[in-house]
Amino acid sequence: MDVLVLLVARVDHSCFAHKADAAFPRISPDRLQFFEYESVTISCQEFSSLTEWRVMTKVNKIISANWDSSPPSCTIEPTFERHSGEYWCEDAEGQTSGVLNISVTAGSVILDFPARPVIEGSDVILHCREEESQSKHIADFYKDDLHLVTSYENNMIIQNVSKSDEGFYKCRIPGAGESPESRLTVLTQSKSAYEETPSHSVSSNLFSLLWIFGLVALLLWIMGQLHDSKHREPDVSISATKPRVPDQSVFSIVYYRPVTAEGNKEL
């Protein structure tokens, strides 16, 4: 029975390890760049399983003190430049998710695009934003320090994104400034299922665990029945213990003979 329990634990551990390799923390608002004094939440709660996942950071080359003091979700409010750094999820056994690099700027321009890697083949919108301004601006977009395009609506659309579109992007608004640089990562279709539908993956893992536990419970019941049958006292048949009662039937033979005179004399 110990072997069966260990088997269940091993299946859960391996399934979640595979998921962790392809998944990332959830960031809200969904972007990598922030102005100072904004609020940002980093969460690892999607990684709910038999083990707890917590937010880990590496800011100014300093990693979080230890796992025990780290929360499963954290909100930074207000944000400052010193909060810029790497954020990821980690469990007590040392398994880690993918790393997201958050940038907080004291400047007036940020580049807004999804924080998590995007799926290969989808369309991605990069939005160049000026702080406290909702109006449209002329914006220049760059990839790996090379100028890509000048937009008059401060947006850039990458259609049918592919691995070749991966790189470091930034934007500049004339008269306002330049944004920090952030990496756009593209996931291939084989990995996108883990990244884009983590809740579905967790549900699938949970279903698998329930099925395995059900199977183990059935095996335990069967083994219990076999164990009981071996130690159960044999049934004693009534016919084996009840003394045999002699046959109560009486058989007799009666002879009749006529009464004669000689017989009467004898009497």
Protein backbone atom coordinates (compact mmCIF):
# COMPACT_ATOMS: atom_id res chain seq x y z
CA MET A 1 0.00 0.00 0.00
CA ASP A 2 2.91 2.35 0.66
CA VAL A 3 3.99 1.82 -2.95
CA LEU A 4 0.59 2.90 -4.24
CA VAL A 5 0.56 6.09 -2.16
CA LEU A 6 4.06 7.00 -3.32
CA LEU A 7 2.97 6.40 -6.91
CA VAL A 8 0.14 8.92 -6.56
CA ALA A 9 2.44 11.53 -5.06
CA ARG A 10 4.96 11.00 -7.82
CA VAL A 11 2.37 11.44 -10.58
CA ASP A 12 1.18 14.75 -9.15
CA HIS A 13 4.72 16.01 -8.71
CA SER A 14 5.77 15.20 -12.28
CA CYS A 15 2.64 16.67 -13.86
CA PHE A 16 3.04 19.93 -12.05
CA ALA A 17 6.73 20.12 -12.75
CA HIS A 18 5.97 20.00 -16.46
CA LYS A 19 3.41 22.75 -16.12
CA ALA A 20 5.74 24.95 -14.08
CA ASP A 21 8.38 24.88 -16.79
CA ALA A 22 6.02 26.58 -19.26
CA ALA A 23 3.88 28.84 -17.05
CA PHE A 24 4.42 32.32 -15.68
CA PRO A 25 3.12 34.47 -12.82
CA ARG A 26 0.00 36.51 -13.46
CA ILE A 27 0.54 40.27 -13.41
CA SER A 28 -2.25 42.81 -13.06
CA PRO A 29 -2.49 45.17 -14.91
CA ASP A 30 -1.34 42.86 -17.70
CA ARG A 31 1.90 44.56 -18.76
CA LEU A 32 5.58 44.65 -17.89
CA GLN A 33 6.12 48.40 -17.61
CA PHE A 34 4.68 50.77 -15.00
CA PHE A 35 4.88 54.40 -14.02
CA GLU A 36 5.93 55.23 -10.49
CA TYR A 37 3.08 55.44 -7.95
CA GLU A 38 0.99 52.89 -9.82
CA SER A 39 -0.23 49.62 -8.30
CA VAL A 40 0.80 46.17 -9.55
CA THR A 41 -0.18 42.70 -8.34
CA ILE A 42 1.90 39.56 -8.95
CA SER A 43 0.11 36.28 -8.27
CA CYS A 44 1.04 32.59 -8.16
CA GLN A 45 -2.39 31.39 -7.05
CA GLU A 46 -3.06 29.74 -10.43
CA PHE A 47 -0.43 27.20 -9.44
CA SER A 48 -2.63 25.76 -6.68
CA SER A 49 -1.80 22.09 -6.11
CA LEU A 50 -0.72 19.81 -3.30
CA THR A 51 2.20 22.19 -2.77
CA GLU A 52 2.04 25.96 -2.31
CA TRP A 53 3.59 28.35 -4.80
CA ARG A 54 4.88 31.77 -3.76
CA VAL A 55 6.11 34.94 -5.41
CA MET A 56 9.88 35.26 -5.55
CA THR A 57 11.81 38.32 -6.68
CA LYS A 58 15.25 39.40 -7.73
CA VAL A 59 15.57 43.16 -7.40
CA ASN A 60 18.91 44.94 -7.69
CA LYS A 61 20.58 41.50 -7.87
CA ILE A 62 19.10 40.59 -4.47
CA ILE A 63 16.82 37.53 -4.35
CA SER A 64 13.91 37.28 -1.91
CA ALA A 65 15.11 36.45 1.59
CA ASN A 66 13.54 32.98 1.69
CA TRP A 67 10.55 31.02 0.48
CA ASP A 68 8.84 30.84 3.89
CA SER A 69 8.48 34.61 4.13
CA SER A 70 7.21 35.04 0.56
CA PRO A 71 3.46 35.32 -0.18
CA PRO A 72 1.43 33.45 -2.88
CA SER A 73 0.32 36.88 -4.13
CA CYS A 74 1.69 40.35 -3.55
CA THR A 75 0.60 43.87 -4.41
CA ILE A 76 3.12 46.68 -4.76
CA GLU A 77 1.51 50.04 -4.10
CA PRO A 78 2.87 52.52 -4.85
CA THR A 79 5.53 51.33 -7.26
CA PHE A 80 8.99 52.89 -7.50
CA GLU A 81 11.98 52.32 -9.74
CA ARG A 82 13.55 50.16 -7.04
CA HIS A 83 10.78 47.59 -7.61
CA SER A 84 12.08 46.88 -11.11
CA GLY A 85 13.38 43.34 -11.41
CA GLU A 86 12.60 39.68 -11.98
CA TYR A 87 9.50 38.00 -10.59
CA TRP A 88 8.63 34.29 -10.67
CA CYS A 89 6.73 31.56 -8.80
CA GLU A 90 8.41 28.87 -6.74
CA ASP A 91 7.29 26.00 -4.53
CA ALA A 92 8.84 24.57 -1.36
CA GLU A 93 10.69 21.91 -3.35
CA GLY A 94 12.44 24.50 -5.52
CA GLN A 95 10.41 24.11 -8.72
CA THR A 96 10.16 27.44 -10.54
CA SER A 97 7.96 29.01 -13.18
CA GLY A 98 9.11 31.24 -16.00
CA VAL A 99 10.53 34.64 -15.05
CA LEU A 100 8.91 37.98 -15.89
CA ASN A 101 10.97 41.17 -15.82
CA ILE A 102 9.01 44.18 -14.54
CA SER A 103 10.21 47.73 -15.23
CA VAL A 104 9.09 50.74 -13.20
CA THR A 105 10.06 54.10 -14.64
CA ALA A 106 10.17 57.62 -13.28
CA GLY A 107 9.83 58.85 -16.87
CA SER A 108 6.68 59.79 -18.79
CA VAL A 109 6.50 56.99 -21.39
CA ILE A 110 5.93 53.25 -21.15
CA LEU A 111 5.42 50.49 -23.70
CA ASP A 112 2.27 48.46 -23.02
CA PHE A 113 1.94 44.86 -24.25
CA PRO A 114 0.96 41.55 -22.55
CA ALA A 115 3.18 40.56 -19.65
CA ARG A 116 3.11 36.85 -20.40
CA PRO A 117 4.53 35.32 -23.57
CA VAL A 118 2.20 35.54 -26.56
CA ILE A 119 1.04 32.59 -28.66
CA GLU A 120 2.65 32.01 -32.01
CA GLY A 121 0.26 32.98 -34.81
CA SER A 122 -1.74 35.53 -32.79
CA ASP A 123 -1.81 39.31 -33.27
CA VAL A 124 -0.03 41.48 -30.71
CA ILE A 125 -0.68 45.18 -30.11
CA LEU A 126 2.11 47.35 -28.69
CA HIS A 127 0.81 50.60 -27.24
CA CYS A 128 3.10 53.54 -26.51
CA ARG A 129 1.61 55.42 -23.55
CA GLU A 130 2.34 58.83 -22.13
CA GLU A 131 1.63 59.33 -18.45
CA GLU A 132 -1.64 61.14 -17.68
CA SER A 133 -2.49 61.51 -21.35
CA GLN A 134 -5.21 59.70 -23.32
CA SER A 135 -4.69 61.53 -26.60
CA LYS A 136 -3.02 59.98 -29.64
CA HIS A 137 0.63 60.71 -30.27
CA ILE A 138 3.22 60.14 -32.93
CA ALA A 139 5.34 57.28 -31.64
CA ASP A 140 8.45 55.52 -32.88
CA PHE A 141 8.85 51.81 -32.17
CA TYR A 142 12.15 49.96 -31.87
CA LYS A 143 13.22 46.34 -31.67
CA ASP A 144 16.71 45.53 -30.40
CA ASP A 145 17.56 49.24 -30.86
CA LEU A 146 16.56 49.17 -34.55
CA HIS A 147 13.80 51.51 -35.68
CA LEU A 148 10.77 49.57 -36.92
CA VAL A 149 7.99 52.03 -37.65
CA THR A 150 6.57 55.46 -36.89
CA SER A 151 2.91 55.38 -35.86
CA TYR A 152 0.50 58.31 -35.78
CA GLU A 153 -1.85 56.53 -33.39
CA ASN A 154 0.80 55.41 -30.85
CA ASN A 155 0.05 51.75 -31.65
CA MET A 156 2.00 49.05 -33.42
CA ILE A 157 0.40 45.75 -34.45
CA ILE A 158 2.42 42.60 -35.06
CA GLN A 159 0.21 40.26 -37.07
CA ASN A 160 0.67 36.50 -37.01
CA VAL A 161 3.51 36.77 -34.52
CA SER A 162 6.33 34.24 -34.81
CA LYS A 163 9.56 33.36 -33.02
CA SER A 164 11.40 35.77 -35.30
CA ASP A 165 9.47 38.63 -33.64
CA GLU A 166 11.00 37.90 -30.26
CA GLY A 167 13.27 40.60 -28.95
CA PHE A 168 13.55 43.74 -26.82
CA TYR A 169 11.05 46.46 -27.70
CA LYS A 170 10.75 50.09 -26.70
CA CYS A 171 9.03 53.22 -27.99
CA ARG A 172 9.60 56.97 -28.04
CA ILE A 173 7.16 59.87 -28.11
CA PRO A 174 8.77 63.09 -29.41
CA GLY A 175 8.78 65.72 -26.69
CA ALA A 176 7.77 63.22 -23.98
CA GLY A 177 10.59 60.73 -23.81
CA GLU A 178 11.46 57.08 -24.30
CA SER A 179 10.09 54.00 -22.60
CA PRO A 180 12.12 51.29 -20.89
CA GLU A 181 12.99 48.21 -22.92
CA SER A 182 11.07 44.96 -22.40
CA ARG A 183 11.34 41.55 -24.00
CA LEU A 184 8.51 40.13 -26.11
CA THR A 185 8.51 36.33 -25.86
CA VAL A 186 6.63 34.05 -28.26
CA LEU A 187 5.43 30.59 -27.28
CA THR A 188 5.10 27.86 -29.88
CA GLN A 189 1.80 25.99 -30.14
CA SER A 190 3.17 23.01 -28.23
CA LYS A 191 3.79 25.19 -25.17
CA SER A 192 0.86 27.57 -25.48
CA ALA A 193 -1.60 25.12 -23.92
CA TYR A 194 0.30 25.29 -20.64
CA GLU A 195 0.73 29.05 -20.75
CA GLU A 196 -2.65 30.26 -21.88
CA THR A 197 -4.87 27.81 -20.02
CA PRO A 198 -3.23 27.13 -16.68
CA SER A 199 -6.62 26.68 -14.96
CA HIS A 200 -7.49 23.99 -17.52
CA SER A 201 -4.18 22.27 -16.84
CA VAL A 202 -4.83 22.37 -13.10
CA SER A 203 -8.33 20.93 -13.66
CA SER A 204 -6.89 18.14 -15.80
CA ASN A 205 -4.28 17.34 -13.16
CA LEU A 206 -6.96 17.38 -10.46
CA PHE A 207 -9.15 15.01 -12.48
CA SER A 208 -6.20 12.67 -12.96
CA LEU A 209 -5.48 12.72 -9.24
CA LEU A 210 -9.10 11.99 -8.35
CA TRP A 211 -9.11 9.08 -10.79
CA ILE A 212 -5.91 7.68 -9.29
CA PHE A 213 -7.17 8.10 -5.73
CA GLY A 214 -10.38 6.33 -6.72
CA LEU A 215 -8.37 3.45 -8.16
CA VAL A 216 -6.25 3.24 -5.01
CA ALA A 217 -9.39 3.25 -2.85
CA LEU A 218 -10.83 0.39 -4.90
CA LEU A 219 -7.61 -1.61 -4.54
CA LEU A 220 -7.60 -0.97 -0.79
CA TRP A 221 -11.18 -2.21 -0.53
CA ILE A 222 -10.42 -5.36 -2.51
CA MET A 223 -7.34 -6.08 -0.41
CA GLY A 224 -9.36 -5.51 2.75
CA GLN A 225 -11.95 -8.00 1.60
CA LEU A 226 -9.26 -10.57 0.85
CA HIS A 227 -7.64 -9.96 4.22
CA ASP A 228 -10.94 -10.41 6.07
CA SER A 229 -11.75 -13.61 4.21
CA LYS A 230 -8.42 -15.15 5.25
CA HIS A 231 -8.94 -14.42 8.95
CA ARG A 232 -12.65 -15.14 9.11
CA GLU A 233 -13.63 -18.26 11.19
CA PRO A 234 -14.94 -21.03 8.96
CA ASP A 235 -18.70 -21.43 9.09
CA VAL A 236 -19.78 -24.52 11.01
CA SER A 237 -22.63 -26.33 9.35
CA ILE A 238 -25.62 -27.15 11.53
CA SER A 239 -25.66 -30.59 10.08
CA ALA A 240 -22.06 -31.07 11.19
CA THR A 241 -22.67 -30.23 14.84
CA LYS A 242 -26.18 -31.43 15.40
CA PRO A 243 -26.15 -34.97 16.75
CA ARG A 244 -27.79 -37.48 14.57
CA VAL A 245 -31.25 -38.34 15.89
CA PRO A 246 -32.07 -42.01 15.68
CA ASP A 247 -34.91 -42.89 13.44
CA GLN A 248 -38.09 -42.79 15.50
CA SER A 249 -39.98 -45.08 13.18
CA VAL A 250 -40.85 -48.49 14.66
CA PHE A 251 -41.45 -51.41 12.42
CA SER A 252 -43.13 -54.52 13.73
CA ILE A 253 -44.58 -57.71 12.29
CA VAL A 254 -47.80 -59.05 13.75
CA TYR A 255 -48.77 -62.61 13.16
CA TYR A 256 -52.40 -63.58 13.43
CA ARG A 257 -53.55 -67.13 13.88
CA PRO A 258 -56.98 -68.49 14.51
CA VAL A 259 -57.97 -69.39 17.99
CA THR A 260 -58.57 -73.13 18.33
CA ALA A 261 -60.05 -75.31 20.98
CA GLU A 262 -56.68 -76.67 21.80
CA GLY A 263 -55.44 -73.26 22.24
CA ASN A 264 -58.23 -72.51 24.68
CA LYS A 265 -57.36 -75.57 26.66
CA GLU A 266 -53.86 -74.44 27.02
CA LEU A 267 -55.09 -71.15 28.31
